[in-house]
Amino acid sequence: MATVHLWQAGLDCDRSQLAHYAQRLSPDEQQRADRFVKPLHRDRFIAGRGILRGLLGQCLGIAPERLQFSYGAHGKPDLAYPANSGWQFNLAHSEDQSLIALTQGAAIGVDLEKIRPIPQLDQLTARFYAPDEHAQIMSAPIADRETLFFRYWTCKEAFLKATGEGLGKLQHLQLALGRSAQEEPVRIITLPESPPTAWQLRELPLTDGFVGAIAVAHGEIAISFNSFQSGEFLC
């Protein structure tokens, strides 16, 4: 069984916390932060990366600023230093919330989204989702369609982040969701071309107004879930 350590973390923090997190960033992360036009988006990026580094540093027994990351063809991060630690991780964020997942010895991906109105929902779903998924969303009560859209989206993106294949494979991944996010695991109907392995794909109980999912390349998982908001935690 793979143990997954999962945190939902608030990204809006005070200036002293933000300065603490900024000191951990690598030069390339600082350059990415500086490219954000809006200060709010820059600050949330810094907080997310700072918290990620703090949690990884605790697991590895290493100072957060010493960690080095490498990136796959579609941007999936991995640990370059220390090498061969066995730890896998993934990070997602939406608005003022983030999800951070850590595990050992298994590919992992997470995603979360704030539920919000979607212009041209019918056309967007028809383009990116399988016909059965599109039909389920558009036959749902109008008030439930955006939530169902994002439930599918987060499950698909979590899986594709775990495999490192990117969103170009979105329409090739067909899923079957339960009637609510608490019914788990999600059933995988068809997969993109990828190495055969056992997968666990689950929806997550998150803060009201958000949906999220986690994908792990393992036949059986146990999730240790924690959450903290701005000002509550300084790793």
Foldseek 3Di string as FASTA:
>chain_A
DWEKEKEKEFQDADPVLLVVLQVQDDPVLVVVLVPDPDVVVSSSSSSQLSVQLVVVCVVVVHRSSPWDWDADPQGQIDTPPPPPPQKEKEKEDEDRIIMIMIIGNKQKFKYKYQQDDDPPLLVVCVVQEDPVLSVVLVPDPPVCNSVSVRQLVQQQRGVCSSQVPDSVCRHQWHWADDPDQPDDDIGTDGDDDDDDAAKTKGKDDDDPRMTMIMMIRHNDYDYDYYYDYYPPDRD
